[in-house]
PDB file of all heavy atoms in Angstrom:
ATOM      1  N   GLN A   1    -132.305-123.246  44.481  1.00  0.00           N
ATOM      2  CA  GLN A   1    -132.020-124.027  45.690  1.00  0.00           C
ATOM      3  C   GLN A   1    -132.780-125.310  45.644  1.00  0.00           C
ATOM      4  O   GLN A   1    -132.271-126.334  46.103  1.00  0.00           O
ATOM      5  CB  GLN A   1    -132.503-123.127  46.944  1.00  0.00           C
ATOM      6  CG  GLN A   1    -131.665-121.983  47.185  1.00  0.00           C
ATOM      7  CD  GLN A   1    -132.173-121.132  48.346  1.00  0.00           C
ATOM      8  OE1 GLN A   1    -133.432-121.068  48.504  1.00  0.00           O
ATOM      9  NE2 GLN A   1    -131.352-120.426  49.017  1.00  0.00           N
ATOM     10  N   ILE A   2    -133.994-125.278  45.131  1.00  0.00           N
ATOM     11  CA  ILE A   2    -134.777-126.494  45.006  1.00  0.00           C
ATOM     12  C   ILE A   2    -134.051-127.550  44.055  1.00  0.00           C
ATOM     13  O   ILE A   2    -133.909-128.707  44.324  1.00  0.00           O
ATOM     14  CB  ILE A   2    -136.252-126.225  44.519  1.00  0.00           C
ATOM     15  CG1 ILE A   2    -136.958-125.476  45.630  1.00  0.00           C
ATOM     16  CG2 ILE A   2    -136.907-127.553  44.214  1.00  0.00           C
ATOM     17  CD1 ILE A   2    -138.305-124.933  45.120  1.00  0.00           C
ATOM     18  N   LEU A   3    -133.510-126.938  42.936  1.00  0.00           N
ATOM     19  CA  LEU A   3    -132.840-127.804  41.934  1.00  0.00           C
ATOM     20  C   LEU A   3    -131.508-128.371  42.572  1.00  0.00           C
ATOM     21  O   LEU A   3    -131.143-129.500  42.378  1.00  0.00           O
ATOM     22  CB  LEU A   3    -132.443-127.089  40.720  1.00  0.00           C
ATOM     23  CG  LEU A   3    -133.667-126.630  39.827  1.00  0.00           C
ATOM     24  CD1 LEU A   3    -133.291-125.735  38.657  1.00  0.00           C
ATOM     25  CD2 LEU A   3    -134.478-127.859  39.386  1.00  0.00           C
ATOM     26  N   GLU A   4    -130.812-127.597  43.434  1.00  0.00           N
ATOM     27  CA  GLU A   4    -129.632-128.086  44.123  1.00  0.00           C
ATOM     28  C   GLU A   4    -129.948-129.160  45.077  1.00  0.00           C
ATOM     29  O   GLU A   4    -129.223-130.171  45.178  1.00  0.00           O
ATOM     30  CB  GLU A   4    -128.825-126.964  44.754  1.00  0.00           C
ATOM     31  CG  GLU A   4    -128.165-125.940  43.847  1.00  0.00           C
ATOM     32  CD  GLU A   4    -127.682-124.772  44.470  1.00  0.00           C
ATOM     33  OE1 GLU A   4    -127.694-124.654  45.764  1.00  0.00           O
ATOM     34  OE2 GLU A   4    -127.295-123.826  43.738  1.00  0.00           O
ATOM     35  N   GLU A   5    -131.061-129.057  45.799  1.00  0.00           N
ATOM     36  CA  GLU A   5    -131.417-130.083  46.763  1.00  0.00           C
ATOM     37  C   GLU A   5    -131.725-131.374  46.108  1.00  0.00           C
ATOM     38  O   GLU A   5    -131.418-132.416  46.604  1.00  0.00           O
ATOM     39  CB  GLU A   5    -132.745-129.638  47.582  1.00  0.00           C
ATOM     40  CG  GLU A   5    -132.426-128.576  48.611  1.00  0.00           C
ATOM     41  CD  GLU A   5    -133.605-128.132  49.276  1.00  0.00           C
ATOM     42  OE1 GLU A   5    -134.803-128.588  48.934  1.00  0.00           O
ATOM     43  OE2 GLU A   5    -133.579-127.179  50.138  1.00  0.00           O
ATOM     44  N   LYS A   6    -132.406-131.299  44.908  1.00  0.00           N
ATOM     45  CA  LYS A   6    -132.767-132.458  44.149  1.00  0.00           C
ATOM     46  C   LYS A   6    -131.614-132.992  43.240  1.00  0.00           C
ATOM     47  O   LYS A   6    -131.765-133.950  42.559  1.00  0.00           O
ATOM     48  CB  LYS A   6    -133.938-132.221  43.267  1.00  0.00           C
ATOM     49  CG  LYS A   6    -135.152-131.670  43.925  1.00  0.00           C
ATOM     50  CD  LYS A   6    -135.813-132.631  44.868  1.00  0.00           C
ATOM     51  CE  LYS A   6    -137.035-132.050  45.455  1.00  0.00           C
ATOM     52  NZ  LYS A   6    -137.708-132.795  46.400  1.00  0.00           N
ATOM     53  N   LYS A   7    -130.464-132.306  43.305  1.00  0.00           N
ATOM     54  CA  LYS A   7    -129.322-132.676  42.640  1.00  0.00           C
ATOM     55  C   LYS A   7    -129.504-132.683  41.084  1.00  0.00           C
ATOM     56  O   LYS A   7    -128.909-133.546  40.365  1.00  0.00           O
ATOM     57  CB  LYS A   7    -128.774-134.010  43.101  1.00  0.00           C
ATOM     58  CG  LYS A   7    -128.298-133.969  44.540  1.00  0.00           C
ATOM     59  CD  LYS A   7    -127.460-135.210  44.903  1.00  0.00           C
ATOM     60  CE  LYS A   7    -127.017-135.258  46.331  1.00  0.00           C
ATOM     61  NZ  LYS A   7    -127.428-134.168  47.270  1.00  0.00           N
ATOM     62  N   ILE A   8    -130.249-131.725  40.610  1.00  0.00           N
ATOM     63  CA  ILE A   8    -130.412-131.648  39.171  1.00  0.00           C
ATOM     64  C   ILE A   8    -130.069-130.168  38.650  1.00  0.00           C
ATOM     65  O   ILE A   8    -130.479-129.856  37.530  1.00  0.00           O
ATOM     66  CB  ILE A   8    -131.838-132.005  38.693  1.00  0.00           C
ATOM     67  CG1 ILE A   8    -132.880-131.242  39.492  1.00  0.00           C
ATOM     68  CG2 ILE A   8    -132.063-133.450  38.764  1.00  0.00           C
ATOM     69  CD1 ILE A   8    -134.307-131.474  38.950  1.00  0.00           C
ATOM     70  N   ALA A   9    -129.350-129.444  39.526  1.00  0.00           N
ATOM     71  CA  ALA A   9    -128.926-128.081  39.115  1.00  0.00           C
ATOM     72  C   ALA A   9    -127.853-128.154  38.011  1.00  0.00           C
ATOM     73  O   ALA A   9    -127.066-129.061  38.051  1.00  0.00           O
ATOM     74  CB  ALA A   9    -128.394-127.357  40.317  1.00  0.00           C
ATOM     75  N   PRO A  10    -127.814-127.270  37.098  1.00  0.00           N
ATOM     76  CA  PRO A  10    -126.762-127.219  36.114  1.00  0.00           C
ATOM     77  C   PRO A  10    -125.415-126.827  36.726  1.00  0.00           C
ATOM     78  O   PRO A  10    -125.378-126.272  37.754  1.00  0.00           O
ATOM     79  CB  PRO A  10    -127.248-126.148  35.092  1.00  0.00           C
ATOM     80  CG  PRO A  10    -128.140-125.272  35.862  1.00  0.00           C
ATOM     81  CD  PRO A  10    -128.814-126.158  36.882  1.00  0.00           C
ATOM     82  N   GLU A  11    -124.359-127.333  36.100  1.00  0.00           N
ATOM     83  CA  GLU A  11    -123.020-127.020  36.671  1.00  0.00           C
ATOM     84  C   GLU A  11    -122.609-125.598  36.577  1.00  0.00           C
ATOM     85  O   GLU A  11    -121.888-125.095  37.431  1.00  0.00           O
ATOM     86  CB  GLU A  11    -121.995-127.943  35.992  1.00  0.00           C
ATOM     87  CG  GLU A  11    -121.792-127.673  34.502  1.00  0.00           C
ATOM     88  CD  GLU A  11    -120.863-128.627  33.822  1.00  0.00           C
ATOM     89  OE1 GLU A  11    -121.021-129.890  34.027  1.00  0.00           O
ATOM     90  OE2 GLU A  11    -119.910-128.146  33.175  1.00  0.00           O
ATOM     91  N   LEU A  12    -123.155-124.810  35.554  1.00  0.00           N
ATOM     92  CA  LEU A  12    -122.931-123.458  35.502  1.00  0.00           C
ATOM     93  C   LEU A  12    -124.191-122.636  35.709  1.00  0.00           C
ATOM     94  O   LEU A  12    -125.240-123.062  35.417  1.00  0.00           O
ATOM     95  CB  LEU A  12    -122.448-122.993  34.031  1.00  0.00           C
ATOM     96  CG  LEU A  12    -121.050-123.591  33.599  1.00  0.00           C
ATOM     97  CD1 LEU A  12    -120.833-123.135  32.138  1.00  0.00           C
ATOM     98  CD2 LEU A  12    -120.002-122.992  34.505  1.00  0.00           C
ATOM     99  N   PRO A  13    -124.084-121.538  36.461  1.00  0.00           N
ATOM    100  CA  PRO A  13    -125.356-120.673  36.697  1.00  0.00           C
ATOM    101  C   PRO A  13    -125.922-120.180  35.375  1.00  0.00           C
ATOM    102  O   PRO A  13    -125.216-120.093  34.332  1.00  0.00           O
ATOM    103  CB  PRO A  13    -124.780-119.505  37.500  1.00  0.00           C
ATOM    104  CG  PRO A  13    -123.462-119.975  38.164  1.00  0.00           C
ATOM    105  CD  PRO A  13    -122.940-120.994  37.065  1.00  0.00           C
ATOM    106  N   ASP A  14    -127.241-119.951  35.407  1.00  0.00           N
ATOM    107  CA  ASP A  14    -127.957-119.581  34.183  1.00  0.00           C
ATOM    108  C   ASP A  14    -127.456-118.334  33.493  1.00  0.00           C
ATOM    109  O   ASP A  14    -127.380-118.268  32.296  1.00  0.00           O
ATOM    110  CB  ASP A  14    -129.432-119.465  34.458  1.00  0.00           C
ATOM    111  CG  ASP A  14    -130.010-120.815  34.875  1.00  0.00           C
ATOM    112  OD1 ASP A  14    -129.502-121.825  34.524  1.00  0.00           O
ATOM    113  OD2 ASP A  14    -131.085-120.812  35.593  1.00  0.00           O
ATOM    114  N   ASP A  15    -127.129-117.284  34.330  1.00  0.00           N
ATOM    115  CA  ASP A  15    -126.760-116.039  33.702  1.00  0.00           C
ATOM    116  C   ASP A  15    -125.373-116.175  33.072  1.00  0.00           C
ATOM    117  O   ASP A  15    -125.176-115.606  31.923  1.00  0.00           O
ATOM    118  CB  ASP A  15    -126.683-114.963  34.712  1.00  0.00           C
ATOM    119  CG  ASP A  15    -125.918-115.289  35.994  1.00  0.00           C
ATOM    120  OD1 ASP A  15    -125.484-116.391  36.100  1.00  0.00           O
ATOM    121  OD2 ASP A  15    -125.792-114.391  36.838  1.00  0.00           O
ATOM    122  N   LEU A  16    -124.535-116.937  33.550  1.00  0.00           N
ATOM    123  CA  LEU A  16    -123.160-117.149  32.987  1.00  0.00           C
ATOM    124  C   LEU A  16    -123.321-118.014  31.638  1.00  0.00           C
ATOM    125  O   LEU A  16    -122.731-117.765  30.634  1.00  0.00           O
ATOM    126  CB  LEU A  16    -122.238-117.910  33.846  1.00  0.00           C
ATOM    127  CG  LEU A  16    -120.861-118.137  33.464  1.00  0.00           C
ATOM    128  CD1 LEU A  16    -120.168-116.817  33.178  1.00  0.00           C
ATOM    129  CD2 LEU A  16    -120.039-118.860  34.541  1.00  0.00           C
ATOM    130  N   THR A  17    -124.228-118.987  31.693  1.00  0.00           N
ATOM    131  CA  THR A  17    -124.455-119.781  30.530  1.00  0.00           C
ATOM    132  C   THR A  17    -125.053-118.950  29.341  1.00  0.00           C
ATOM    133  O   THR A  17    -124.666-119.093  28.236  1.00  0.00           O
ATOM    134  CB  THR A  17    -125.464-120.964  30.835  1.00  0.00           C
ATOM    135  OG1 THR A  17    -124.993-121.687  31.965  1.00  0.00           O
ATOM    136  CG2 THR A  17    -125.661-121.900  29.645  1.00  0.00           C
ATOM    137  N   ALA A  18    -125.966-118.056  29.676  1.00  0.00           N
ATOM    138  CA  ALA A  18    -126.596-117.173  28.675  1.00  0.00           C
ATOM    139  C   ALA A  18    -125.521-116.230  28.052  1.00  0.00           C
ATOM    140  O   ALA A  18    -125.491-116.006  26.849  1.00  0.00           O
ATOM    141  CB  ALA A  18    -127.703-116.338  29.343  1.00  0.00           C
ATOM    142  N   LEU A  19    -124.606-115.772  28.892  1.00  0.00           N
ATOM    143  CA  LEU A  19    -123.558-114.877  28.307  1.00  0.00           C
ATOM    144  C   LEU A  19    -122.615-115.671  27.432  1.00  0.00           C
ATOM    145  O   LEU A  19    -122.162-115.170  26.426  1.00  0.00           O
ATOM    146  CB  LEU A  19    -122.796-114.258  29.485  1.00  0.00           C
ATOM    147  CG  LEU A  19    -123.448-113.080  30.181  1.00  0.00           C
ATOM    148  CD1 LEU A  19    -122.686-112.630  31.406  1.00  0.00           C
ATOM    149  CD2 LEU A  19    -123.651-111.923  29.228  1.00  0.00           C
ATOM    150  N   ILE A  20    -122.294-116.941  27.807  1.00  0.00           N
ATOM    151  CA  ILE A  20    -121.459-117.751  26.995  1.00  0.00           C
ATOM    152  C   ILE A  20    -122.124-117.991  25.657  1.00  0.00           C
ATOM    153  O   ILE A  20    -121.480-117.997  24.596  1.00  0.00           O
ATOM    154  CB  ILE A  20    -121.071-119.029  27.712  1.00  0.00           C
ATOM    155  CG1 ILE A  20    -120.104-118.679  28.895  1.00  0.00           C
ATOM    156  CG2 ILE A  20    -120.389-120.059  26.749  1.00  0.00           C
ATOM    157  CD1 ILE A  20    -119.840-119.792  29.785  1.00  0.00           C
ATOM    158  N   ARG A  21    -123.425-118.326  25.635  1.00  0.00           N
ATOM    159  CA  ARG A  21    -124.134-118.565  24.422  1.00  0.00           C
ATOM    160  C   ARG A  21    -124.091-117.311  23.495  1.00  0.00           C
ATOM    161  O   ARG A  21    -123.932-117.456  22.320  1.00  0.00           O
ATOM    162  CB  ARG A  21    -125.567-118.973  24.780  1.00  0.00           C
ATOM    163  CG  ARG A  21    -125.760-120.359  25.052  1.00  0.00           C
ATOM    164  CD  ARG A  21    -127.207-120.798  25.033  1.00  0.00           C
ATOM    165  NE  ARG A  21    -127.293-122.164  25.534  1.00  0.00           N
ATOM    166  CZ  ARG A  21    -127.964-122.517  26.545  1.00  0.00           C
ATOM    167  NH1 ARG A  21    -128.680-121.649  27.232  1.00  0.00           N
ATOM    168  NH2 ARG A  21    -128.020-123.736  26.951  1.00  0.00           N
ATOM    169  N   ASN A  22    -124.309-116.192  24.120  1.00  0.00           N
ATOM    170  CA  ASN A  22    -124.213-114.910  23.449  1.00  0.00           C
ATOM    171  C   ASN A  22    -122.897-114.721  22.801  1.00  0.00           C
ATOM    172  O   ASN A  22    -122.737-114.349  21.635  1.00  0.00           O
ATOM    173  CB  ASN A  22    -124.569-113.755  24.420  1.00  0.00           C
ATOM    174  CG  ASN A  22    -124.912-112.448  23.669  1.00  0.00           C
ATOM    175  OD1 ASN A  22    -124.981-112.488  22.441  1.00  0.00           O
ATOM    176  ND2 ASN A  22    -124.990-111.394  24.374  1.00  0.00           N
ATOM    177  N   SER A  23    -121.830-114.990  23.546  1.00  0.00           N
ATOM    178  CA  SER A  23    -120.463-114.839  23.053  1.00  0.00           C
ATOM    179  C   SER A  23    -120.265-115.762  21.886  1.00  0.00           C
ATOM    180  O   SER A  23    -119.636-115.332  20.838  1.00  0.00           O
ATOM    181  CB  SER A  23    -119.453-115.143  24.140  1.00  0.00           C
ATOM    182  OG  SER A  23    -118.169-115.249  23.652  1.00  0.00           O
ATOM    183  N   VAL A  24    -120.760-116.984  21.908  1.00  0.00           N
ATOM    184  CA  VAL A  24    -120.503-117.944  20.859  1.00  0.00           C
ATOM    185  C   VAL A  24    -121.301-117.472  19.597  1.00  0.00           C
ATOM    186  O   VAL A  24    -120.730-117.541  18.472  1.00  0.00           O
ATOM    187  CB  VAL A  24    -121.051-119.347  21.256  1.00  0.00           C
ATOM    188  CG1 VAL A  24    -121.136-120.293  20.105  1.00  0.00           C
ATOM    189  CG2 VAL A  24    -120.137-119.928  22.308  1.00  0.00           C
ATOM    190  N   ALA A  25    -122.467-116.908  19.800  1.00  0.00           N
ATOM    191  CA  ALA A  25    -123.279-116.477  18.611  1.00  0.00           C
ATOM    192  C   ALA A  25    -122.585-115.268  17.992  1.00  0.00           C
ATOM    193  O   ALA A  25    -122.525-115.162  16.770  1.00  0.00           O
ATOM    194  CB  ALA A  25    -124.699-116.050  19.129  1.00  0.00           C
ATOM    195  N   ILE A  26    -122.027-114.348  18.821  1.00  0.00           N
ATOM    196  CA  ILE A  26    -121.295-113.214  18.199  1.00  0.00           C
ATOM    197  C   ILE A  26    -120.036-113.677  17.497  1.00  0.00           C
ATOM    198  O   ILE A  26    -119.750-113.084  16.387  1.00  0.00           O
ATOM    199  CB  ILE A  26    -120.961-112.193  19.389  1.00  0.00           C
ATOM    200  CG1 ILE A  26    -122.203-111.600  19.912  1.00  0.00           C
ATOM    201  CG2 ILE A  26    -120.094-111.078  18.799  1.00  0.00           C
ATOM    202  CD1 ILE A  26    -121.993-110.751  21.151  1.00  0.00           C
ATOM    203  N   ARG A  27    -119.305-114.578  17.994  1.00  0.00           N
ATOM    204  CA  ARG A  27    -118.169-115.123  17.311  1.00  0.00           C
ATOM    205  C   ARG A  27    -118.479-115.727  15.951  1.00  0.00           C
ATOM    206  O   ARG A  27    -117.780-115.538  14.991  1.00  0.00           O
ATOM    207  CB  ARG A  27    -117.350-116.106  18.182  1.00  0.00           C
ATOM    208  CG  ARG A  27    -116.591-115.489  19.261  1.00  0.00           C
ATOM    209  CD  ARG A  27    -115.766-116.518  20.043  1.00  0.00           C
ATOM    210  NE  ARG A  27    -115.046-115.881  21.101  1.00  0.00           N
ATOM    211  CZ  ARG A  27    -113.876-115.314  20.891  1.00  0.00           C
ATOM    212  NH1 ARG A  27    -113.339-115.247  19.685  1.00  0.00           N
ATOM    213  NH2 ARG A  27    -113.239-114.768  21.874  1.00  0.00           N
ATOM    214  N   LYS A  28    -119.601-116.456  15.960  1.00  0.00           N
ATOM    215  CA  LYS A  28    -120.103-117.084  14.729  1.00  0.00           C
ATOM    216  C   LYS A  28    -120.458-115.994  13.742  1.00  0.00           C
ATOM    217  O   LYS A  28    -120.083-116.141  12.495  1.00  0.00           O
ATOM    218  CB  LYS A  28    -121.281-117.990  15.032  1.00  0.00           C
ATOM    219  CG  LYS A  28    -121.692-118.927  13.977  1.00  0.00           C
ATOM    220  CD  LYS A  28    -122.793-119.820  14.536  1.00  0.00           C
ATOM    221  CE  LYS A  28    -123.311-120.782  13.450  1.00  0.00           C
ATOM    222  NZ  LYS A  28    -124.431-121.533  13.977  1.00  0.00           N
ATOM    223  N   HIS A  29    -121.063-114.963  14.175  1.00  0.00           N
ATOM    224  CA  HIS A  29    -121.439-113.869  13.268  1.00  0.00           C
ATOM    225  C   HIS A  29    -120.159-113.189  12.766  1.00  0.00           C
ATOM    226  O   HIS A  29    -120.124-112.796  11.559  1.00  0.00           O
ATOM    227  CB  HIS A  29    -122.294-112.867  14.038  1.00  0.00           C
ATOM    228  CG  HIS A  29    -122.467-111.578  13.343  1.00  0.00           C
ATOM    229  ND1 HIS A  29    -123.431-111.398  12.296  1.00  0.00           N
ATOM    230  CD2 HIS A  29    -121.895-110.328  13.494  1.00  0.00           C
ATOM    231  CE1 HIS A  29    -123.344-110.165  11.886  1.00  0.00           C
ATOM    232  NE2 HIS A  29    -122.506-109.515  12.589  1.00  0.00           N
ATOM    233  N   LEU A  30    -119.166-112.998  13.612  1.00  0.00           N
ATOM    234  CA  LEU A  30    -117.958-112.335  13.176  1.00  0.00           C
ATOM    235  C   LEU A  30    -117.171-113.133  12.131  1.00  0.00           C
ATOM    236  O   LEU A  30    -116.349-112.566  11.440  1.00  0.00           O
ATOM    237  CB  LEU A  30    -117.058-111.975  14.393  1.00  0.00           C
ATOM    238  CG  LEU A  30    -117.542-110.724  15.164  1.00  0.00           C
ATOM    239  CD1 LEU A  30    -116.718-110.575  16.434  1.00  0.00           C
ATOM    240  CD2 LEU A  30    -117.463-109.516  14.316  1.00  0.00           C
ATOM    241  N   GLU A  31    -117.330-114.461  12.146  1.00  0.00           N
ATOM    242  CA  GLU A  31    -116.624-115.265  11.195  1.00  0.00           C
ATOM    243  C   GLU A  31    -117.123-114.844   9.751  1.00  0.00           C
ATOM    244  O   GLU A  31    -116.270-114.870   8.812  1.00  0.00           O
ATOM    245  CB  GLU A  31    -116.830-116.751  11.348  1.00  0.00           C
ATOM    246  CG  GLU A  31    -116.133-117.365  12.514  1.00  0.00           C
ATOM    247  CD  GLU A  31    -116.454-118.742  12.819  1.00  0.00           C
ATOM    248  OE1 GLU A  31    -117.128-119.346  12.023  1.00  0.00           O
ATOM    249  OE2 GLU A  31    -116.070-119.269  13.828  1.00  0.00           O
ATOM    250  N   ALA A  32    -118.410-114.639   9.652  1.00  0.00           N
ATOM    251  CA  ALA A  32    -118.918-114.297   8.343  1.00  0.00           C
ATOM    252  C   ALA A  32    -118.810-112.743   8.017  1.00  0.00           C
ATOM    253  O   ALA A  32    -118.820-112.317   6.864  1.00  0.00           O
ATOM    254  CB  ALA A  32    -120.370-114.689   8.184  1.00  0.00           C
ATOM    255  N   ASN A  33    -118.753-111.888   9.110  1.00  0.00           N
ATOM    256  CA  ASN A  33    -118.728-110.498   8.934  1.00  0.00           C
ATOM    257  C   ASN A  33    -117.540-109.885   9.692  1.00  0.00           C
ATOM    258  O   ASN A  33    -117.735-109.369  10.755  1.00  0.00           O
ATOM    259  CB  ASN A  33    -120.056-109.863   9.512  1.00  0.00           C
ATOM    260  CG  ASN A  33    -121.292-110.510   8.854  1.00  0.00           C
ATOM    261  OD1 ASN A  33    -121.584-110.317   7.735  1.00  0.00           O
ATOM    262  ND2 ASN A  33    -121.915-111.416   9.639  1.00  0.00           N
ATOM    263  N   HIS A  34    -116.379-109.997   9.090  1.00  0.00           N
ATOM    264  CA  HIS A  34    -115.178-109.533   9.716  1.00  0.00           C
ATOM    265  C   HIS A  34    -115.109-108.084  10.134  1.00  0.00           C
ATOM    266  O   HIS A  34    -114.446-107.728  11.108  1.00  0.00           O
ATOM    267  CB  HIS A  34    -113.927-109.878   8.810  1.00  0.00           C
ATOM    268  CG  HIS A  34    -113.771-111.265   8.570  1.00  0.00           C
ATOM    269  ND1 HIS A  34    -113.318-112.201   9.470  1.00  0.00           N
ATOM    270  CD2 HIS A  34    -114.023-112.044   7.410  1.00  0.00           C
ATOM    271  CE1 HIS A  34    -113.306-113.368   8.991  1.00  0.00           C
ATOM    272  NE2 HIS A  34    -113.701-113.368   7.741  1.00  0.00           N
ATOM    273  N   LYS A  35    -115.727-107.251   9.350  1.00  0.00           N
ATOM    274  CA  LYS A  35    -115.613-105.783   9.558  1.00  0.00           C
ATOM    275  C   LYS A  35    -116.720-105.178  10.407  1.00  0.00           C
ATOM    276  O   LYS A  35    -116.868-103.988  10.532  1.00  0.00           O
ATOM    277  CB  LYS A  35    -115.628-105.121   8.164  1.00  0.00           C
ATOM    278  CG  LYS A  35    -114.399-105.419   7.298  1.00  0.00           C
ATOM    279  CD  LYS A  35    -114.331-104.576   6.058  1.00  0.00           C
ATOM    280  CE  LYS A  35    -113.041-104.982   5.275  1.00  0.00           C
ATOM    281  NZ  LYS A  35    -112.947-104.054   4.142  1.00  0.00           N
ATOM    282  N   ASP A  36    -117.542-106.071  10.994  1.00  0.00           N
ATOM    283  CA  ASP A  36    -118.626-105.560  11.824  1.00  0.00           C
ATOM    284  C   ASP A  36    -118.026-105.023  13.176  1.00  0.00           C
ATOM    285  O   ASP A  36    -117.815-105.792  14.099  1.00  0.00           O
ATOM    286  CB  ASP A  36    -119.649-106.630  12.124  1.00  0.00           C
ATOM    287  CG  ASP A  36    -120.940-106.106  12.783  1.00  0.00           C
ATOM    288  OD1 ASP A  36    -120.881-104.967  13.190  1.00  0.00           O
ATOM    289  OD2 ASP A  36    -121.858-106.898  12.847  1.00  0.00           O
ATOM    290  N   GLN A  37    -117.654-103.740  13.251  1.00  0.00           N
ATOM    291  CA  GLN A  37    -117.152-103.159  14.420  1.00  0.00           C
ATOM    292  C   GLN A  37    -118.055-103.213  15.684  1.00  0.00           C
ATOM    293  O   GLN A  37    -117.619-103.352  16.830  1.00  0.00           O
ATOM    294  CB  GLN A  37    -116.665-101.765  14.141  1.00  0.00           C
ATOM    295  CG  GLN A  37    -115.544-101.704  13.081  1.00  0.00           C
ATOM    296  CD  GLN A  37    -114.322-102.391  13.443  1.00  0.00           C
ATOM    297  OE1 GLN A  37    -113.841-102.344  14.612  1.00  0.00           O
ATOM    298  NE2 GLN A  37    -113.684-103.175  12.543  1.00  0.00           N
ATOM    299  N   THR A  38    -119.313-103.045  15.425  1.00  0.00           N
ATOM    300  CA  THR A  38    -120.289-103.019  16.529  1.00  0.00           C
ATOM    301  C   THR A  38    -120.337-104.341  17.190  1.00  0.00           C
ATOM    302  O   THR A  38    -120.384-104.470  18.391  1.00  0.00           O
ATOM    303  CB  THR A  38    -121.669-102.625  16.000  1.00  0.00           C
ATOM    304  OG1 THR A  38    -121.589-101.397  15.250  1.00  0.00           O
ATOM    305  CG2 THR A  38    -122.642-102.453  17.178  1.00  0.00           C
TER     306      THR A  38
END
């Protein structure tokens, strides 16, 4: 709320950004390891 008042809040919420980063990292891993079912 403080960041929103000062107009320096990120455009995406932090938890969503963390999940997107995680998804990108998993996709990058899967490019090298196609058979990793886990």
